[in-house]
Amino acid sequence: MIRIFTICLTLLLGLSPAFVHAKGQFSTAIKVNDEIITNYELDQRAKMLAIFGAGANATETATNQLIEERLQRMAGKELGIVISPEDVEDGMLEFAQRGNLTTEQLIQILGSRGVAAETYREFIRHGLLWRNVVRQRFGREASASDAEIDAALGAGQQGQLSVRVAELLVPYLERGPDGAKQLTTRLSKSIKSNSAFAAAARQYSRSPSRRNGGLLDWVPASNLPSALLAQLLALEPGQVTDPIELQGASGIFQLRGTRREKGTAQSSVVTYATVPLSSAVGDTKTQTAAARVLINKSDRCLDLRANRRKYEGATYSETSAQQSELSQSTAMQLANLDKNEATYFANASGGISVIMLCNRTTELPEGEREALRDSLFSRKISSLGQGYMQELKSSAKIVYK
């Protein structure tokens, strides 16, 4: 017996530093009610978020996310919600495709930087779980009524709704998709005044409106992307939207005011022309200067088509579409333009594109009300979910080891 004890003691005393370190990694860092978060999980999540562009806030963000995920798991268990492996795989692919990657490519990138595939999988699984929790709890409450839809479209005798906003657009080219969203998320939460928004727009925005502190002219609400309009309708003047992902950029918008004008709101069929400038023209600074010259020399779309030939590799395309069919980015670029007016923007390829409104005709397309109903629902249920999470946190016992 003494011999056996001596052998065991020798083995324990001979444990390698690597083994001791590994054991420490899996020790408890935080306890949330009866659930634990290990040091390993915190390290893994922080590394993953840093790759996604979280920067210096990666550890803090990882801590908050993992605490919330434990509470989400408890809420899901209470409601009997289970996320299938197939749904997780679909979610992983959808997230990866935001960066033009496959699931396998993203997992390979994460693995090369020390992040396990399971860390990514759990991140996606909890996101899907929480979406199901809030939809089951608040789906009926978040439904948009016909009165809300009418108000958004400016229907009836009240007249057409117009809004004035300021914009701040951060291109993916400068910071990457996740870095751009991290910046706009931080700004959306920290900006509390018109002057602060204007200063941030001059510093960070790459839209032509940056010279005016991001401020745009009055625009009919029906010209705006439905996702943006749904957020604006929930704000008071001076408040800022959550980030909205546009083509090649992440944007936030500050509501400056609303007003009713004569006439009923009608959605539009728009015809617009785009001219993406190629790298043959030069870098983005050179392309921006070329875009301004091209706009100044073009009084109509026919002029734009002719003048773009002066720039090597520049192509011309003309499109007609229902307002409701436009991408968020295109709708936002066209929203404040009159016929034959043009602007430029950073496109998804990292270059500069010119866009001109050729014509706008009004009619009431099918699906407009339902598209806006869906956007209002998403906005309301997101707000309800945030409130519910705060309730869960306030009643939880969270202990940091």
Protein backbone atom coordinates (compact mmCIF):
# COMPACT_ATOMS: atom_id res chain seq x y z
CA MET A 1 0.00 0.00 0.00
CA ILE A 2 2.84 2.38 0.93
CA ARG A 3 4.53 1.56 -2.40
CA ILE A 4 1.36 2.40 -4.37
CA PHE A 5 0.95 5.70 -2.47
CA THR A 6 4.57 6.61 -3.18
CA ILE A 7 4.14 5.96 -6.92
CA CYS A 8 0.98 8.10 -7.10
CA LEU A 9 2.64 10.95 -5.21
CA THR A 10 5.63 10.81 -7.55
CA LEU A 11 3.35 11.03 -10.57
CA LEU A 12 1.46 14.01 -9.12
CA LEU A 13 4.62 15.89 -8.29
CA GLY A 14 5.90 15.22 -11.79
CA LEU A 15 2.99 16.83 -13.62
CA SER A 16 4.26 18.99 -16.47
CA PRO A 17 3.62 22.76 -16.48
CA ALA A 18 1.63 22.30 -19.72
CA PHE A 19 -0.75 19.91 -17.96
CA VAL A 20 -1.22 22.28 -15.03
CA HIS A 21 -1.87 25.17 -17.43
CA ALA A 22 -4.42 23.11 -19.38
CA LYS A 23 -6.19 22.23 -16.15
CA GLY A 24 -6.33 25.94 -15.28
CA GLN A 25 -7.82 26.74 -18.66
CA PHE A 26 -10.85 24.59 -17.93
CA SER A 27 -11.40 25.99 -14.46
CA THR A 28 -14.43 28.16 -13.75
CA ALA A 29 -14.14 31.85 -14.66
CA ILE A 30 -17.77 32.90 -14.15
CA LYS A 31 -20.79 31.20 -12.63
CA VAL A 32 -24.24 32.19 -13.90
CA ASN A 33 -26.87 30.72 -11.57
CA ASP A 34 -25.97 27.02 -11.76
CA GLU A 35 -24.11 27.23 -15.08
CA ILE A 36 -20.37 27.80 -15.44
CA ILE A 37 -18.18 29.58 -17.99
CA THR A 38 -14.60 28.32 -18.17
CA ASN A 39 -11.44 30.27 -18.83
CA TYR A 40 -11.06 28.22 -22.00
CA GLU A 41 -14.44 29.36 -23.33
CA LEU A 42 -13.62 32.99 -22.57
CA ASP A 43 -10.26 32.72 -24.30
CA GLN A 44 -11.77 30.99 -27.34
CA ARG A 45 -14.64 33.46 -27.72
CA ALA A 46 -12.33 36.48 -27.33
CA LYS A 47 -9.98 35.10 -30.00
CA MET A 48 -12.89 34.50 -32.37
CA LEU A 49 -14.36 37.98 -31.83
CA ALA A 50 -10.91 39.53 -32.39
CA ILE A 51 -10.78 37.76 -35.77
CA PHE A 52 -14.26 39.14 -36.49
CA GLY A 53 -12.98 42.66 -35.78
CA ALA A 54 -13.82 43.26 -32.09
CA GLY A 55 -10.36 44.68 -31.42
CA ALA A 56 -9.50 45.84 -27.90
CA ASN A 57 -13.05 45.11 -26.66
CA ALA A 58 -12.91 41.41 -27.57
CA THR A 59 -12.54 40.10 -24.00
CA GLU A 60 -15.28 42.34 -22.60
CA THR A 61 -17.63 41.46 -25.46
CA ALA A 62 -16.85 37.75 -25.06
CA THR A 63 -17.66 37.92 -21.35
CA ASN A 64 -21.02 39.63 -21.97
CA GLN A 65 -21.92 37.24 -24.79
CA LEU A 66 -21.17 34.10 -22.80
CA ILE A 67 -23.12 35.34 -19.76
CA GLU A 68 -26.09 36.12 -21.98
CA GLU A 69 -25.81 32.75 -23.70
CA ARG A 70 -26.09 30.92 -20.38
CA LEU A 71 -29.27 32.89 -19.67
CA GLN A 72 -30.52 32.22 -23.20
CA ARG A 73 -29.94 28.51 -22.68
CA MET A 74 -31.99 28.58 -19.47
CA ALA A 75 -34.81 30.49 -21.17
CA GLY A 76 -34.79 28.06 -24.09
CA LYS A 77 -34.88 25.05 -21.79
CA GLU A 78 -37.86 26.52 -19.95
CA LEU A 79 -39.76 26.82 -23.25
CA GLY A 80 -38.61 23.42 -24.53
CA ILE A 81 -36.79 24.90 -27.53
CA VAL A 82 -34.19 22.72 -29.24
CA ILE A 83 -32.05 23.78 -32.21
CA SER A 84 -31.41 20.95 -34.66
CA PRO A 85 -27.92 20.21 -36.01
CA GLU A 86 -29.23 20.97 -39.51
CA ASP A 87 -30.36 24.45 -38.45
CA VAL A 88 -26.96 25.09 -36.88
CA GLU A 89 -25.19 24.06 -40.08
CA ASP A 90 -27.43 26.37 -42.12
CA GLY A 91 -26.74 29.20 -39.69
CA MET A 92 -22.99 28.65 -39.88
CA LEU A 93 -23.12 28.81 -43.66
CA GLU A 94 -25.29 31.94 -43.68
CA PHE A 95 -22.89 33.73 -41.33
CA ALA A 96 -19.83 32.67 -43.33
CA GLN A 97 -21.39 33.87 -46.57
CA ARG A 98 -21.54 37.41 -45.19
CA GLY A 99 -17.78 37.44 -45.72
CA ASN A 100 -18.05 35.59 -49.06
CA LEU A 101 -16.74 32.38 -47.45
CA THR A 102 -17.96 28.83 -47.10
CA THR A 103 -18.36 27.28 -43.64
CA GLU A 104 -15.25 25.17 -44.23
CA GLN A 105 -13.19 28.19 -45.27
CA LEU A 106 -14.21 30.17 -42.20
CA ILE A 107 -13.52 27.23 -39.87
CA GLN A 108 -10.09 26.85 -41.48
CA ILE A 109 -9.31 30.55 -40.89
CA LEU A 110 -10.45 30.29 -37.27
CA GLY A 111 -8.47 27.08 -36.74
CA SER A 112 -5.28 28.63 -38.09
CA ARG A 113 -5.58 31.24 -35.33
CA GLY A 114 -6.30 28.83 -32.51
CA VAL A 115 -10.11 28.88 -32.48
CA ALA A 116 -11.92 25.52 -32.41
CA ALA A 117 -14.81 24.81 -34.78
CA GLU A 118 -17.01 24.06 -31.76
CA THR A 119 -16.53 27.64 -30.52
CA TYR A 120 -17.99 28.94 -33.79
CA ARG A 121 -20.75 26.32 -33.74
CA GLU A 122 -21.88 27.28 -30.22
CA PHE A 123 -21.86 30.97 -31.15
CA ILE A 124 -24.28 30.26 -34.01
CA ARG A 125 -26.41 27.80 -32.02
CA HIS A 126 -27.08 30.28 -29.24
CA GLY A 127 -27.95 32.99 -31.74
CA LEU A 128 -30.59 30.73 -33.29
CA LEU A 129 -31.81 29.64 -29.86
CA TRP A 130 -32.36 33.23 -28.70
CA ARG A 131 -34.18 34.15 -31.90
CA ASN A 132 -36.60 31.30 -31.29
CA VAL A 133 -37.02 32.25 -27.63
CA VAL A 134 -38.00 35.86 -28.31
CA ARG A 135 -40.26 34.90 -31.21
CA GLN A 136 -42.12 32.37 -29.06
CA ARG A 137 -42.44 34.77 -26.12
CA PHE A 138 -43.15 38.03 -27.95
CA GLY A 139 -44.25 37.09 -31.48
CA ARG A 140 -47.85 38.18 -30.98
CA GLU A 141 -46.90 41.36 -29.12
CA ALA A 142 -44.41 42.37 -31.83
CA SER A 143 -46.86 42.00 -34.72
CA ALA A 144 -47.37 45.26 -36.60
CA SER A 145 -50.98 46.43 -36.86
CA ASP A 146 -52.59 47.81 -40.02
CA ALA A 147 -52.70 51.21 -38.31
CA GLU A 148 -48.92 51.13 -37.85
CA ILE A 149 -48.43 50.16 -41.50
CA ASP A 150 -50.73 52.98 -42.62
CA ALA A 151 -48.82 55.44 -40.48
CA ALA A 152 -45.52 54.26 -41.92
CA LEU A 153 -46.75 54.62 -45.49
CA GLY A 154 -48.49 57.91 -44.77
CA ALA A 155 -51.82 56.52 -45.91
CA GLY A 156 -55.22 58.16 -45.48
CA GLN A 157 -55.86 61.86 -45.03
CA GLN A 158 -52.79 62.62 -42.93
CA GLY A 159 -50.62 63.17 -45.95
CA GLN A 160 -47.33 61.67 -47.00
CA LEU A 161 -44.72 61.19 -44.31
CA SER A 162 -41.29 62.70 -44.96
CA VAL A 163 -38.23 62.35 -42.76
CA ARG A 164 -34.93 64.11 -42.39
CA VAL A 165 -31.94 62.06 -41.35
CA ALA A 166 -28.18 62.27 -41.05
CA GLU A 167 -26.10 59.34 -42.26
CA LEU A 168 -22.74 57.84 -41.35
CA LEU A 169 -21.39 55.13 -43.67
CA VAL A 170 -18.22 53.15 -42.90
CA PRO A 171 -16.90 51.15 -45.90
CA TYR A 172 -15.88 47.52 -45.43
CA LEU A 173 -12.73 48.27 -47.44
CA GLU A 174 -11.15 50.26 -44.60
CA ARG A 175 -11.93 48.03 -41.60
CA GLY A 176 -13.46 44.83 -42.95
CA PRO A 177 -17.17 43.93 -42.47
CA ASP A 178 -16.82 43.10 -38.78
CA GLY A 179 -14.58 46.06 -38.00
CA ALA A 180 -17.00 48.43 -39.73
CA LYS A 181 -19.94 47.02 -37.80
CA GLN A 182 -18.02 47.17 -34.51
CA LEU A 183 -17.38 50.88 -35.10
CA THR A 184 -20.96 51.72 -36.11
CA THR A 185 -22.30 49.70 -33.16
CA ARG A 186 -20.11 51.66 -30.76
CA LEU A 187 -21.10 54.98 -32.32
CA SER A 188 -24.81 54.15 -32.34
CA LYS A 189 -24.69 53.52 -28.59
CA SER A 190 -22.47 56.48 -27.66
CA ILE A 191 -23.83 59.34 -29.80
CA LYS A 192 -26.34 61.45 -27.85
CA SER A 193 -26.59 64.72 -29.80
CA ASN A 194 -26.79 66.16 -33.31
CA SER A 195 -23.38 67.77 -32.95
CA ALA A 196 -21.77 64.51 -31.83
CA PHE A 197 -23.24 62.70 -34.83
CA ALA A 198 -22.05 65.43 -37.20
CA ALA A 199 -18.52 65.26 -35.77
CA ALA A 200 -18.45 61.47 -36.07
CA ALA A 201 -19.75 61.64 -39.65
CA ARG A 202 -16.98 64.05 -40.63
CA GLN A 203 -14.39 61.76 -39.06
CA TYR A 204 -15.57 58.28 -40.03
CA SER A 205 -18.13 58.48 -42.85
CA ARG A 206 -17.06 58.09 -46.46
CA SER A 207 -20.36 59.24 -47.98
CA PRO A 208 -20.44 62.57 -49.89
CA SER A 209 -22.69 63.88 -47.10
CA ARG A 210 -19.78 63.77 -44.63
CA ARG A 211 -18.90 67.35 -45.62
CA ASN A 212 -22.30 68.37 -44.24
CA GLY A 213 -21.96 66.32 -41.07
CA GLY A 214 -23.95 63.52 -42.72
CA LEU A 215 -27.14 65.61 -42.97
CA LEU A 216 -29.48 64.80 -45.87
CA ASP A 217 -32.44 66.75 -47.21
CA TRP A 218 -36.06 65.85 -46.50
CA VAL A 219 -37.06 62.63 -48.23
CA PRO A 220 -40.42 60.81 -48.58
CA ALA A 221 -40.52 57.92 -46.15
CA SER A 222 -41.70 55.61 -48.94
CA ASN A 223 -38.36 56.14 -50.73
CA LEU A 224 -36.37 54.65 -47.86
CA PRO A 225 -35.45 50.97 -47.40
CA SER A 226 -38.12 49.34 -45.27
CA ALA A 227 -35.56 48.09 -42.71
CA LEU A 228 -34.31 51.64 -42.14
CA LEU A 229 -37.81 53.11 -42.04
CA ALA A 230 -38.88 50.56 -39.42
CA GLN A 231 -36.05 51.70 -37.15
CA LEU A 232 -36.67 55.41 -37.74
CA LEU A 233 -40.35 55.11 -36.85
CA ALA A 234 -39.37 53.87 -33.39
CA LEU A 235 -37.06 56.84 -32.69
CA GLU A 236 -37.41 60.35 -31.35
CA PRO A 237 -35.53 63.17 -33.11
CA GLY A 238 -31.87 63.01 -32.12
CA GLN A 239 -31.83 59.25 -31.56
CA VAL A 240 -29.69 56.92 -33.68
CA THR A 241 -30.52 53.62 -35.40
CA ASP A 242 -28.72 50.35 -34.88
CA PRO A 243 -26.20 49.53 -37.63
CA ILE A 244 -27.71 48.69 -41.02
CA GLU A 245 -25.66 46.64 -43.45
CA LEU A 246 -25.51 48.20 -46.92
CA GLN A 247 -23.57 47.20 -50.01
CA GLY A 248 -19.92 47.45 -49.06
CA ALA A 249 -20.56 49.45 -45.88
CA SER A 250 -22.13 49.52 -42.43
CA GLY A 251 -24.28 52.57 -41.71
CA ILE A 252 -26.10 54.32 -38.89
CA PHE A 253 -28.72 57.06 -39.24
CA GLN A 254 -29.88 59.79 -36.90
CA LEU A 255 -33.47 60.99 -37.07
CA ARG A 256 -33.60 64.79 -37.25
CA GLY A 257 -37.32 65.29 -37.86
CA THR A 258 -40.58 64.13 -39.47
CA ARG A 259 -43.40 65.97 -41.22
CA ARG A 260 -46.58 65.33 -43.19
CA GLU A 261 -47.01 66.69 -46.69
CA LYS A 262 -50.02 66.86 -48.99
CA GLY A 263 -50.88 63.76 -50.95
CA THR A 264 -50.81 60.08 -50.09
CA ALA A 265 -47.65 58.05 -49.98
CA GLN A 266 -47.06 55.90 -53.03
CA SER A 267 -44.18 53.61 -53.71
CA SER A 268 -42.19 54.11 -56.85
CA VAL A 269 -40.86 52.36 -59.90
CA VAL A 270 -37.36 53.74 -60.35
CA THR A 271 -34.98 53.67 -63.27
CA TYR A 272 -31.38 54.28 -62.36
CA ALA A 273 -27.93 54.01 -63.92
CA THR A 274 -24.70 52.88 -62.28
CA VAL A 275 -21.10 53.30 -63.36
CA PRO A 276 -18.54 51.42 -61.25
CA LEU A 277 -15.06 52.85 -61.74
CA SER A 278 -12.31 50.24 -62.11
CA SER A 279 -8.91 50.07 -60.47
CA ALA A 280 -7.48 51.17 -63.82
CA VAL A 281 -8.68 54.68 -62.92
CA GLY A 282 -6.54 54.64 -59.75
CA ASP A 283 -6.96 54.15 -56.01
CA THR A 284 -10.19 55.05 -54.17
CA LYS A 285 -9.09 58.65 -53.67
CA THR A 286 -8.49 59.05 -57.40
CA GLN A 287 -11.74 57.24 -58.19
CA THR A 288 -13.66 59.58 -55.86
CA ALA A 289 -12.24 62.62 -57.65
CA ALA A 290 -13.12 61.05 -61.02
CA ALA A 291 -16.66 60.31 -59.79
CA ARG A 292 -17.20 63.97 -58.90
CA VAL A 293 -16.00 65.09 -62.33
CA LEU A 294 -18.23 62.51 -64.03
CA ILE A 295 -21.26 63.69 -62.05
CA ASN A 296 -20.59 67.36 -62.78
CA LYS A 297 -20.34 66.70 -66.52
CA SER A 298 -23.47 64.51 -66.73
CA ASP A 299 -26.89 66.21 -66.77
CA ARG A 300 -28.84 63.02 -67.54
CA CYS A 301 -28.34 59.28 -67.79
CA LEU A 302 -27.51 59.47 -71.51
CA ASP A 303 -24.68 61.85 -70.66
CA LEU A 304 -23.46 59.50 -67.93
CA ARG A 305 -23.37 56.64 -70.42
CA ALA A 306 -21.36 58.71 -72.91
CA ASN A 307 -18.97 60.33 -70.44
CA ARG A 308 -18.01 57.10 -68.64
CA ARG A 309 -16.08 56.07 -71.81
CA LYS A 310 -13.38 58.54 -70.77
CA TYR A 311 -12.49 56.26 -67.84
CA GLU A 312 -10.76 52.98 -68.58
CA GLY A 313 -12.74 49.93 -67.53
CA ALA A 314 -15.83 51.91 -66.46
CA THR A 315 -19.06 50.13 -67.43
CA TYR A 316 -22.62 51.46 -67.63
CA SER A 317 -25.80 49.65 -66.59
CA GLU A 318 -29.38 50.86 -66.40
CA THR A 319 -32.06 49.18 -64.27
CA SER A 320 -35.79 49.61 -63.65
CA ALA A 321 -37.30 48.13 -60.49
CA GLN A 322 -40.04 48.53 -57.94
CA GLN A 323 -38.96 50.57 -54.93
CA SER A 324 -39.67 47.56 -52.69
CA GLU A 325 -37.38 45.36 -54.80
CA LEU A 326 -34.30 47.56 -54.38
CA SER A 327 -31.47 46.48 -52.12
CA GLN A 328 -31.07 48.54 -48.96
CA SER A 329 -27.91 50.12 -50.33
CA THR A 330 -29.43 51.12 -53.67
CA ALA A 331 -32.63 52.41 -52.07
CA MET A 332 -30.61 54.55 -49.68
CA GLN A 333 -28.47 56.00 -52.47
CA LEU A 334 -31.54 56.89 -54.55
CA ALA A 335 -33.78 58.07 -51.70
CA ASN A 336 -32.57 61.66 -51.71
CA LEU A 337 -32.07 62.04 -55.47
CA ASP A 338 -34.35 63.84 -57.91
CA LYS A 339 -34.53 62.91 -61.55
CA ASN A 340 -31.12 63.26 -63.28
CA GLU A 341 -29.29 63.79 -59.98
CA ALA A 342 -26.35 61.56 -59.09
CA THR A 343 -24.08 60.64 -56.21
CA TYR A 344 -21.26 58.17 -55.57
CA PHE A 345 -20.64 55.44 -53.00
CA ALA A 346 -18.11 52.78 -51.99
CA ASN A 347 -19.13 49.55 -53.67
CA ALA A 348 -18.70 45.94 -52.52
CA SER A 349 -15.59 45.52 -54.69
CA GLY A 350 -13.75 48.19 -52.75
CA GLY A 351 -14.02 50.82 -55.45
CA ILE A 352 -16.25 53.81 -56.15
CA SER A 353 -19.50 53.72 -58.13
CA VAL A 354 -21.58 56.56 -59.53
CA ILE A 355 -25.37 56.18 -59.39
CA MET A 356 -27.90 58.45 -61.13
CA LEU A 357 -31.70 58.51 -60.90
CA CYS A 358 -33.02 58.44 -64.47
CA ASN A 359 -36.73 58.44 -63.63
CA ARG A 360 -39.19 57.80 -60.83
CA THR A 361 -42.85 56.94 -61.43
CA THR A 362 -45.33 56.32 -58.63
CA GLU A 363 -47.69 53.44 -58.13
CA LEU A 364 -48.66 51.03 -55.38
CA PRO A 365 -46.77 47.75 -55.91
CA GLU A 366 -47.83 44.44 -54.45
CA GLY A 367 -46.08 43.34 -51.30
CA GLU A 368 -45.12 46.81 -50.06
CA ARG A 369 -47.30 46.60 -46.95
CA GLU A 370 -46.11 43.11 -46.05
CA ALA A 371 -42.45 44.02 -46.54
CA LEU A 372 -42.84 46.93 -44.15
CA ARG A 373 -44.85 44.76 -41.72
CA ASP A 374 -41.95 42.29 -41.58
CA SER A 375 -39.44 45.08 -40.94
CA LEU A 376 -41.53 46.60 -38.16
CA PHE A 377 -41.91 43.16 -36.59
CA SER A 378 -38.14 42.60 -36.63
CA ARG A 379 -37.49 45.97 -35.03
CA LYS A 380 -40.10 45.51 -32.30
CA ILE A 381 -39.14 41.96 -31.43
CA SER A 382 -35.47 42.94 -31.23
CA SER A 383 -36.33 45.66 -28.72
CA LEU A 384 -38.51 43.28 -26.70
CA GLY A 385 -35.72 40.71 -26.70
CA GLN A 386 -33.21 43.25 -25.38
CA GLY A 387 -35.59 44.18 -22.58
CA TYR A 388 -36.15 40.52 -21.68
CA MET A 389 -32.40 39.91 -21.53
CA GLN A 390 -31.99 42.80 -19.12
CA GLU A 391 -34.67 41.23 -16.91
CA LEU A 392 -32.87 37.89 -16.97
CA LYS A 393 -29.57 39.55 -16.04
CA SER A 394 -31.07 41.54 -13.20
CA SER A 395 -32.56 38.42 -11.61
CA ALA A 396 -29.55 36.16 -12.23
CA LYS A 397 -26.79 35.36 -9.76
CA ILE A 398 -23.54 36.08 -11.58
CA VAL A 399 -20.29 35.33 -9.73
CA TYR A 400 -16.83 36.09 -11.12
CA LYS A 401 -14.17 33.68 -9.85
